[in-house]
Structures are given as C-alpha cells and as structure tokens.
C-alpha cells in the first residue's frame, strides 16, 4: 500500500478515497476567469485543482483561489525554482515539479527544504516527452521501463534531500505504455501514484483512453489520485473522472444500467434512458438505477439494480431488486421513478 500524504484538507494514498483532479485552463493573468472556473470545478466535485504558475505575477493567483474555493490548490512549476518557493510562501497545498528542468541540485534542495518547512508535498511528473538523453540512449525510446526509471530518479533526488512527501505521476499519450509504466513503478516505490493519460485528445477519445488506462490500473489496485486530461472544458474532466470511479465501484452517486434495445423493445428507451441519466446526475447516494425496455425480462435481467423501470406496449413497471412494486403508464413512469429516487436519497442524506 502507498504512503498517506496530506494535501490541504484531502489525503492521497494509504487507502484514502481516490481523489479526482483537474487543471485550470484560463490564462494565468486572468484572475477572475480562473476563480470562476475553480468555483465551477468545485461544484462539479473536483477534489484537487492544479494551476499553472509561469511567472511571479501568477503567484498572487494562489491566494485569490484559496479565498474562493475550499479544495486544495496545486502550483504547476516548470524551470524557475523560485516560483516553487514563492508558491509555498503564498500558501499553496502542493507543488508539481519536474526535477530535471528545475536546474542544479542546490536549487532542487532549496525547493525540498522550503516545502518541508511549510508542510507542502511535491508531485514529480514524468512523461514520454521529458526523458533525458541518457535514458533515451539506454532504452532507445520512451518505453515503460524508461519512464519508470525516470520517475524513480526524481523520487531518489528528493529523498537525498530528506524529502518524503512525494506523489509521483507517469503519463504518456500511449495508453499501453502508461499502464505498463505505472505497473512497473508501483512495484518499486510506496509513493502515492497520480494516474492519467496525457494529451489524450478531445472529449470523446480522451474519455475513452482515460477510462481504459486509468480504469485498468485502478482495477489492479494501483493509483491514488486521477486526472482525465481532455482538450475540452475542465468540468468535463471532473465528470469523466467521477464516472470512471463509479464504473469500477469506487465512486458515489447514481449509476445507470440500461439495455441496448432489441426487436422486443416497445418503449422509447433511448430518450427515456437519457432523461433518467440527466435527472440523477446530482444524486449523491450510491445507487444503481436500471432502465429496461422489456417489462417481461427487464426486472429479472436487472435484479441487481436498487431500483428501475421497464416497459412496453403501453404499460410500464417500477421494480426494486428485481421485484415489481408498481405498475403505471409509460407517461407516468419517469415521474414515479424520480419521486422514489429522491425519497431514497433524502433518507440516505439524513443518515449520513
């Protein structure tokens, strides 16, 4: 099991809940735009927010963000070690660096010493485009073994300076390489692992690549925090991350089970399923909801669902755990289902 590290008011590793991260995409000098985006990410369920800090004026953004959201803020630093120092002074909750582009050992040590003093963990990031010439020469290309060795070198560099609060990320746009590299690294360190497929693409393919890569590792028991990288609105990254966790049984909220339709379907199943999925998006209770197209076989096929509906030929049924509890018309069944779900969610909220 990985070590447990505090990042502001959240924990990464050590059996803690898998956290979902995203990154602000506004220009670093657009303070209002970044604040607005951070608020939206927090509302969407984002656990940790990263922000690029490319210059000294950007450091002021850290304080502004912390005044407006309660989630931890991570400063993304490249090249200038002094930005890491000033970000820690500004109260950032974690620093993201690549030790290879920070500079000499004395600069890395200065960052490590300052972060240790301020209780700020460091995430070291490695990707296929950041491998040094020595490793490329040794392995010939950014192989999984090369990525893992590069990550270990970054970890060992910080540990030489008595710094242990380290989160490590190996990312690649090649899903297979990313998965294999993380598997190799997980056998060699107990540092918490940040999972993600970098440069994954737009909304559709980016989500698919991320689901395959991140989901595969989480099912192996590997990974402590995740980010779905999309060329899209960061809010979609958060929603995709939460959906990945739900899909493998690690998240909260409603999960939809629906049949793919066939020639026996006698109800407008596709629009009905879309309507239900949209309506339960804000339900926090971990509940499995079924939307089935056949009133005869539907309840039986979806008996593991907590609640569901099935219908055809003008009638529909509401069922719980495979047992039919109510019959209604197709026009009424949606409202009946949502009323039941809201009552179940309210009861669950009261018991928390």
Protein backbone atom coordinates (compact mmCIF):
# COMPACT_ATOMS: atom_id res chain seq x y z
CA UNK A 1 0.00 0.00 0.00
CA UNK A 2 1.19 3.51 -0.76
CA UNK A 3 2.03 6.05 1.90
CA UNK A 4 -0.62 8.54 3.02
CA UNK A 5 0.10 12.17 2.23
CA UNK A 6 -1.92 15.23 3.25
CA UNK A 7 -2.69 17.75 0.52
CA UNK A 8 -4.52 20.60 2.20
CA UNK A 9 -7.76 19.16 3.56
CA UNK A 10 -7.51 16.00 1.43
CA UNK A 11 -5.40 12.85 1.62
CA UNK A 12 -3.70 10.93 -1.17
CA UNK A 13 -2.59 7.33 -0.71
CA UNK A 14 -2.61 4.96 2.24
CA UNK A 15 -6.03 3.59 1.40
CA UNK A 16 -7.66 7.04 1.21
CA UNK A 17 -10.54 7.65 -1.19
CA UNK A 18 -9.36 8.11 -4.79
CA UNK A 19 -9.34 11.85 -5.45
CA UNK A 20 -10.27 13.45 -8.77
CA UNK A 21 -8.17 16.32 -10.06
CA UNK A 22 -8.37 18.85 -12.86
CA UNK A 23 -6.42 21.89 -14.05
CA UNK A 24 -7.50 25.44 -14.71
CA UNK A 25 -7.27 26.38 -18.39
CA UNK A 26 -7.59 30.17 -18.30
CA UNK A 27 -4.62 32.47 -18.91
CA UNK A 28 -2.60 32.85 -15.73
CA UNK A 29 -3.15 36.64 -15.73
CA UNK A 30 -6.94 36.21 -15.93
CA UNK A 31 -7.60 36.08 -12.19
CA UNK A 32 -11.38 36.43 -12.43
CA UNK A 33 -11.62 33.77 -15.14
CA UNK A 34 -9.54 31.33 -13.10
CA UNK A 35 -11.54 31.96 -9.95
CA UNK A 36 -14.83 31.43 -11.81
CA UNK A 37 -13.53 28.20 -13.35
CA UNK A 38 -12.25 26.95 -9.99
CA UNK A 39 -15.67 27.54 -8.42
CA UNK A 40 -17.31 25.55 -11.22
CA UNK A 41 -14.82 22.70 -10.77
CA UNK A 42 -15.51 22.56 -7.05
CA UNK A 43 -19.27 22.45 -7.71
CA UNK A 44 -18.71 19.59 -10.17
CA UNK A 45 -17.00 17.53 -7.47
CA UNK A 46 -13.31 18.23 -8.15
CA UNK A 47 -11.15 17.28 -5.16
CA UNK A 48 -7.88 18.99 -6.10
CA UNK A 49 -7.25 21.84 -8.54
CA UNK A 50 -3.95 22.49 -10.32
CA UNK A 51 -2.99 25.87 -11.75
CA UNK A 52 -0.06 26.87 -13.95
CA UNK A 53 2.31 29.36 -12.33
CA UNK A 54 4.58 30.51 -15.19
CA UNK A 55 5.82 33.77 -13.65
CA UNK A 56 5.96 35.75 -10.41
CA UNK A 57 2.76 37.79 -11.01
CA UNK A 58 0.88 34.47 -11.29
CA UNK A 59 1.80 33.56 -7.71
CA UNK A 60 -0.79 36.07 -6.50
CA UNK A 61 -3.46 33.87 -8.10
CA UNK A 62 -2.87 31.19 -5.45
CA UNK A 63 -4.13 33.40 -2.63
CA UNK A 64 -7.12 34.51 -4.71
CA UNK A 65 -8.10 30.91 -5.45
CA UNK A 66 -7.82 29.86 -1.81
CA UNK A 67 -10.10 32.72 -0.84
CA UNK A 68 -12.82 31.44 -3.17
CA UNK A 69 -12.69 27.62 -3.06
CA UNK A 70 -12.08 25.12 -0.28
CA UNK A 71 -10.37 22.43 -2.37
CA UNK A 72 -6.56 22.14 -2.27
CA UNK A 73 -4.59 24.11 -4.86
CA UNK A 74 -1.54 22.71 -6.66
CA UNK A 75 1.03 25.02 -8.28
CA UNK A 76 2.37 23.69 -11.59
CA UNK A 77 6.00 24.82 -11.87
CA UNK A 78 8.46 24.48 -14.71
CA UNK A 79 12.06 25.73 -15.00
CA UNK A 80 12.09 28.51 -12.37
CA UNK A 81 12.71 27.03 -8.89
CA UNK A 82 11.95 30.40 -7.29
CA UNK A 83 8.31 30.10 -8.36
CA UNK A 84 8.05 26.95 -6.22
CA UNK A 85 9.47 28.82 -3.22
CA UNK A 86 7.08 31.73 -3.61
CA UNK A 87 4.10 29.44 -4.23
CA UNK A 88 4.79 27.71 -0.91
CA UNK A 89 5.02 31.14 0.75
CA UNK A 90 1.64 32.01 -0.79
CA UNK A 91 0.01 29.02 0.92
CA UNK A 92 -0.28 26.55 -1.95
CA UNK A 93 -1.18 23.00 -0.89
CA UNK A 94 1.12 21.07 -3.24
CA UNK A 95 3.87 21.79 -5.75
CA UNK A 96 4.20 19.99 -9.09
CA UNK A 97 7.72 20.00 -10.50
CA UNK A 98 9.94 18.03 -12.84
CA UNK A 99 13.30 17.98 -11.01
CA UNK A 100 15.01 17.56 -14.37
CA UNK A 101 14.03 21.04 -15.56
CA UNK A 102 14.37 22.89 -12.25
CA UNK A 103 18.14 23.06 -12.52
CA UNK A 104 21.09 22.16 -10.31
CA UNK A 105 20.90 20.06 -7.16
CA UNK A 106 21.21 23.12 -4.92
CA UNK A 107 18.03 24.54 -6.44
CA UNK A 108 16.16 21.25 -6.02
CA UNK A 109 17.39 21.09 -2.41
CA UNK A 110 16.18 24.65 -1.79
CA UNK A 111 12.71 23.71 -3.04
CA UNK A 112 12.68 20.49 -0.99
CA UNK A 113 13.83 22.27 2.19
CA UNK A 114 11.28 25.05 1.78
CA UNK A 115 8.40 22.67 1.07
CA UNK A 116 9.34 20.51 4.06
CA UNK A 117 9.36 23.59 6.32
CA UNK A 118 5.95 24.67 5.04
CA UNK A 119 4.40 21.17 5.03
CA UNK A 120 3.87 21.25 1.27
CA UNK A 121 4.09 17.91 -0.59
CA UNK A 122 5.70 17.69 -4.02
CA UNK A 123 4.39 15.86 -7.04
CA UNK A 124 7.08 14.83 -9.50
CA UNK A 125 5.88 14.45 -13.04
CA UNK A 126 7.37 12.29 -15.78
CA UNK A 127 6.09 11.92 -19.32
CA UNK A 128 7.35 10.48 -22.56
CA UNK A 129 8.46 13.91 -23.77
CA UNK A 130 10.58 14.71 -20.71
CA UNK A 131 13.01 11.76 -20.68
CA UNK A 132 16.67 12.76 -20.55
CA UNK A 133 19.13 11.74 -23.26
CA UNK A 134 20.79 9.14 -21.05
CA UNK A 135 17.60 7.15 -20.61
CA UNK A 136 16.61 7.54 -24.25
CA UNK A 137 20.02 6.21 -25.20
CA UNK A 138 19.71 3.31 -22.77
CA UNK A 139 16.24 2.20 -23.84
CA UNK A 140 16.03 3.57 -27.37
CA UNK A 141 12.59 5.14 -26.86
CA UNK A 142 10.18 6.17 -24.05
CA UNK A 143 9.49 2.57 -23.01
CA UNK A 144 7.56 1.75 -19.82
CA UNK A 145 10.84 0.77 -18.17
CA UNK A 146 12.44 4.07 -19.18
CA UNK A 147 9.51 6.06 -17.79
CA UNK A 148 9.56 4.13 -14.52
CA UNK A 149 13.32 4.59 -14.13
CA UNK A 150 12.99 8.31 -14.79
CA UNK A 151 10.31 8.58 -12.12
CA UNK A 152 12.48 6.68 -9.63
CA UNK A 153 15.37 9.05 -10.32
CA UNK A 154 13.13 12.02 -9.49
CA UNK A 155 11.96 10.37 -6.28
CA UNK A 156 15.50 9.49 -5.24
CA UNK A 157 16.68 13.05 -5.92
CA UNK A 158 14.16 14.46 -3.44
CA UNK A 159 14.83 11.70 -0.93
CA UNK A 160 18.56 12.57 -1.00
CA UNK A 161 17.49 15.90 0.45
CA UNK A 162 15.40 14.22 3.18
CA UNK A 163 12.09 14.96 1.47
CA UNK A 164 9.49 12.18 1.65
CA UNK A 165 6.05 13.74 0.99
CA UNK A 166 6.18 12.79 -2.67
CA UNK A 167 3.40 11.99 -5.14
CA UNK A 168 4.59 10.66 -8.49
CA UNK A 169 2.96 10.68 -11.93
CA UNK A 170 3.97 8.80 -15.06
CA UNK A 171 1.99 9.94 -18.05
CA UNK A 172 2.04 9.10 -21.74
CA UNK A 173 -0.29 9.65 -24.67
CA UNK A 174 0.22 5.94 -25.37
CA UNK A 175 -2.29 4.16 -23.12
CA UNK A 176 -0.46 0.85 -23.13
CA UNK A 177 2.89 2.47 -22.21
CA UNK A 178 1.28 4.49 -19.43
CA UNK A 179 -0.40 1.44 -17.90
CA UNK A 180 2.71 -0.74 -18.07
CA UNK A 181 4.97 2.01 -16.71
CA UNK A 182 2.71 2.54 -13.70
CA UNK A 183 2.62 -1.21 -13.06
CA UNK A 184 6.42 -1.34 -13.11
CA UNK A 185 6.77 1.71 -10.85
CA UNK A 186 4.17 0.50 -8.34
CA UNK A 187 6.43 -2.45 -7.57
CA UNK A 188 9.38 -0.18 -6.82
CA UNK A 189 8.03 2.63 -4.64
CA UNK A 190 5.41 3.28 -1.98
CA UNK A 191 4.90 6.87 -3.10
CA UNK A 192 1.25 7.60 -3.97
CA UNK A 193 0.64 7.43 -7.72
CA UNK A 194 -1.17 10.08 -9.76
CA UNK A 195 -2.78 8.43 -12.81
CA UNK A 196 -3.57 9.96 -16.17
CA UNK A 197 -3.21 9.61 -19.92
CA UNK A 198 -1.60 12.83 -21.10
CA UNK A 199 -2.58 14.57 -24.33
CA UNK A 200 -5.48 12.11 -24.54
CA UNK A 201 -7.37 14.17 -27.12
CA UNK A 202 -10.82 15.70 -27.34
CA UNK A 203 -13.87 14.88 -25.28
CA UNK A 204 -14.81 11.53 -26.84
CA UNK A 205 -11.44 9.83 -27.46
CA UNK A 206 -9.90 11.45 -24.41
CA UNK A 207 -12.53 9.93 -22.17
CA UNK A 208 -12.16 6.52 -23.82
CA UNK A 209 -8.37 6.49 -23.50
CA UNK A 210 -8.56 7.67 -19.90
CA UNK A 211 -11.20 5.13 -18.97
CA UNK A 212 -9.08 2.31 -20.37
CA UNK A 213 -5.79 3.50 -18.87
CA UNK A 214 -6.92 4.79 -15.51
CA UNK A 215 -9.60 2.14 -15.06
CA UNK A 216 -7.22 -0.73 -15.81
CA UNK A 217 -4.77 0.42 -13.15
CA UNK A 218 -7.41 1.12 -10.51
CA UNK A 219 -8.85 -2.35 -11.04
CA UNK A 220 -5.33 -3.67 -10.38
CA UNK A 221 -5.32 -1.75 -7.09
CA UNK A 222 -2.79 0.75 -8.46
CA UNK A 223 -3.30 4.51 -8.17
CA UNK A 224 -4.31 7.03 -5.54
CA UNK A 225 -5.46 10.13 -7.43
CA UNK A 226 -6.54 10.66 -11.04
CA UNK A 227 -6.87 13.30 -13.72
CA UNK A 228 -8.69 12.84 -17.02
CA UNK A 229 -6.86 15.13 -19.47
CA UNK A 230 -9.16 16.47 -22.20
CA UNK A 231 -8.91 19.15 -24.84
CA UNK A 232 -12.22 20.40 -23.50
CA UNK A 233 -13.87 22.18 -20.59
CA UNK A 234 -12.15 21.06 -17.35
CA UNK A 235 -15.56 20.41 -15.80
CA UNK A 236 -15.90 17.54 -18.27
CA UNK A 237 -12.61 16.14 -16.92
CA UNK A 238 -14.08 16.02 -13.43
CA UNK A 239 -17.32 14.41 -14.56
CA UNK A 240 -15.38 11.81 -16.56
CA UNK A 241 -13.14 11.06 -13.58
CA UNK A 242 -16.09 10.61 -11.28
CA UNK A 243 -17.78 8.37 -13.86
CA UNK A 244 -14.68 6.18 -14.13
CA UNK A 245 -14.71 5.71 -10.36
CA UNK A 246 -18.43 4.86 -10.42
CA UNK A 247 -17.94 2.40 -13.28
CA UNK A 248 -15.47 0.35 -11.25
CA UNK A 249 -17.35 0.59 -7.97
CA UNK A 250 -15.15 3.19 -6.26
CA UNK A 251 -17.34 6.28 -6.62
CA UNK A 252 -20.55 7.67 -5.22
CA UNK A 253 -23.72 8.81 -6.93
CA UNK A 254 -26.15 7.11 -9.27
CA UNK A 255 -25.04 4.50 -11.80
CA UNK A 256 -27.29 3.78 -14.76
CA UNK A 257 -27.93 0.26 -16.06
CA UNK A 258 -29.83 0.16 -19.35
CA UNK A 259 -30.31 -2.46 -22.04
CA UNK A 260 -29.05 -1.83 -25.59
CA UNK A 261 -32.57 -2.39 -27.07
CA UNK A 262 -33.65 -5.11 -29.44
CA UNK A 263 -36.64 -6.08 -31.54
CA UNK A 264 -38.72 -6.76 -28.40
CA UNK A 265 -38.46 -3.16 -27.22
CA UNK A 266 -41.83 -1.46 -27.23
CA UNK A 267 -40.93 1.75 -25.39
CA UNK A 268 -38.92 4.83 -26.36
CA UNK A 269 -35.97 3.51 -24.39
CA UNK A 270 -33.12 5.67 -25.69
CA UNK A 271 -34.69 9.07 -24.88
CA UNK A 272 -36.03 7.65 -21.60
CA UNK A 273 -32.58 6.43 -20.54
CA UNK A 274 -31.04 9.78 -21.48
CA UNK A 275 -33.71 11.58 -19.47
CA UNK A 276 -33.11 9.43 -16.40
CA UNK A 277 -29.34 9.77 -16.65
CA UNK A 278 -29.60 13.54 -16.75
CA UNK A 279 -32.11 13.64 -13.88
CA UNK A 280 -29.95 11.58 -11.49
CA UNK A 281 -26.69 13.42 -12.25
CA UNK A 282 -26.81 15.28 -8.92
CA UNK A 283 -27.87 12.32 -6.77
CA UNK A 284 -25.14 11.70 -4.20
CA UNK A 285 -26.40 8.38 -2.88
CA UNK A 286 -24.53 5.35 -4.29
CA UNK A 287 -27.46 3.79 -6.13
CA UNK A 288 -27.83 1.61 -9.22
CA UNK A 289 -30.78 2.62 -11.44
CA UNK A 290 -32.00 0.39 -14.28
CA UNK A 291 -33.89 1.49 -17.38
CA UNK A 292 -35.02 -1.57 -19.31
CA UNK A 293 -37.04 -1.95 -22.49
CA UNK A 294 -38.94 -5.16 -21.75
CA UNK A 295 -41.43 -5.44 -18.90
CA UNK A 296 -41.22 -9.22 -19.02
CA UNK A 297 -37.46 -9.79 -18.84
CA UNK A 298 -36.27 -6.38 -17.66
CA UNK A 299 -36.74 -6.76 -13.87
CA UNK A 300 -35.05 -10.15 -13.93
CA UNK A 301 -32.09 -9.07 -16.04
CA UNK A 302 -31.53 -6.02 -13.84
CA UNK A 303 -32.31 -7.60 -10.48
CA UNK A 304 -29.06 -6.28 -9.01
CA UNK A 305 -30.24 -2.71 -9.53
CA UNK A 306 -31.56 -0.93 -6.44
CA UNK A 307 -34.45 0.46 -8.41
CA UNK A 308 -35.52 0.50 -12.03
CA UNK A 309 -38.22 0.76 -14.63
CA UNK A 310 -39.17 -1.38 -17.61
CA UNK A 311 -41.94 -1.05 -20.10
CA UNK A 312 -43.55 -1.89 -23.37
CA UNK A 313 -46.88 -1.96 -25.25
CA UNK A 314 -48.34 0.96 -23.34
CA UNK A 315 -47.54 -0.18 -19.80
CA UNK A 316 -44.52 0.13 -17.54
CA UNK A 317 -43.39 -1.21 -14.17
CA UNK A 318 -41.29 0.05 -11.29
CA UNK A 319 -39.13 -2.58 -9.61
CA UNK A 320 -36.70 -2.82 -6.71
CA UNK A 321 -34.06 -5.53 -6.59
CA UNK A 322 -35.91 -7.38 -9.36
CA UNK A 323 -39.31 -7.31 -7.63
CA UNK A 324 -42.10 -5.37 -9.31
CA UNK A 325 -43.62 -2.92 -6.83
CA UNK A 326 -45.80 -0.70 -9.02
CA UNK A 327 -47.39 -0.55 -12.49
CA UNK A 328 -48.09 2.63 -14.42
CA UNK A 329 -48.41 4.05 -17.88
CA UNK A 330 -45.34 4.88 -19.91
CA UNK A 331 -46.16 8.58 -19.49
CA UNK A 332 -46.23 8.31 -15.67
CA UNK A 333 -43.29 6.00 -15.00
CA UNK A 334 -40.49 8.60 -15.19
CA UNK A 335 -42.05 10.85 -12.55
CA UNK A 336 -42.78 7.84 -10.33
CA UNK A 337 -39.18 6.66 -10.60
CA UNK A 338 -37.70 10.06 -9.79
CA UNK A 339 -40.00 10.53 -6.80
CA UNK A 340 -38.84 7.19 -5.39
CA UNK A 341 -35.18 8.02 -6.01
CA UNK A 342 -35.47 11.43 -4.37
CA UNK A 343 -37.10 9.90 -1.30
CA UNK A 344 -34.35 7.26 -1.09
CA UNK A 345 -31.65 9.90 -1.47
CA UNK A 346 -33.22 12.17 1.17
CA UNK A 347 -33.31 9.26 3.63
CA UNK A 348 -29.68 8.45 2.84
CA UNK A 349 -28.64 12.09 3.36
CA UNK A 350 -30.37 12.17 6.78
CA UNK A 351 -28.50 9.07 7.92
CA UNK A 352 -25.06 10.41 6.98
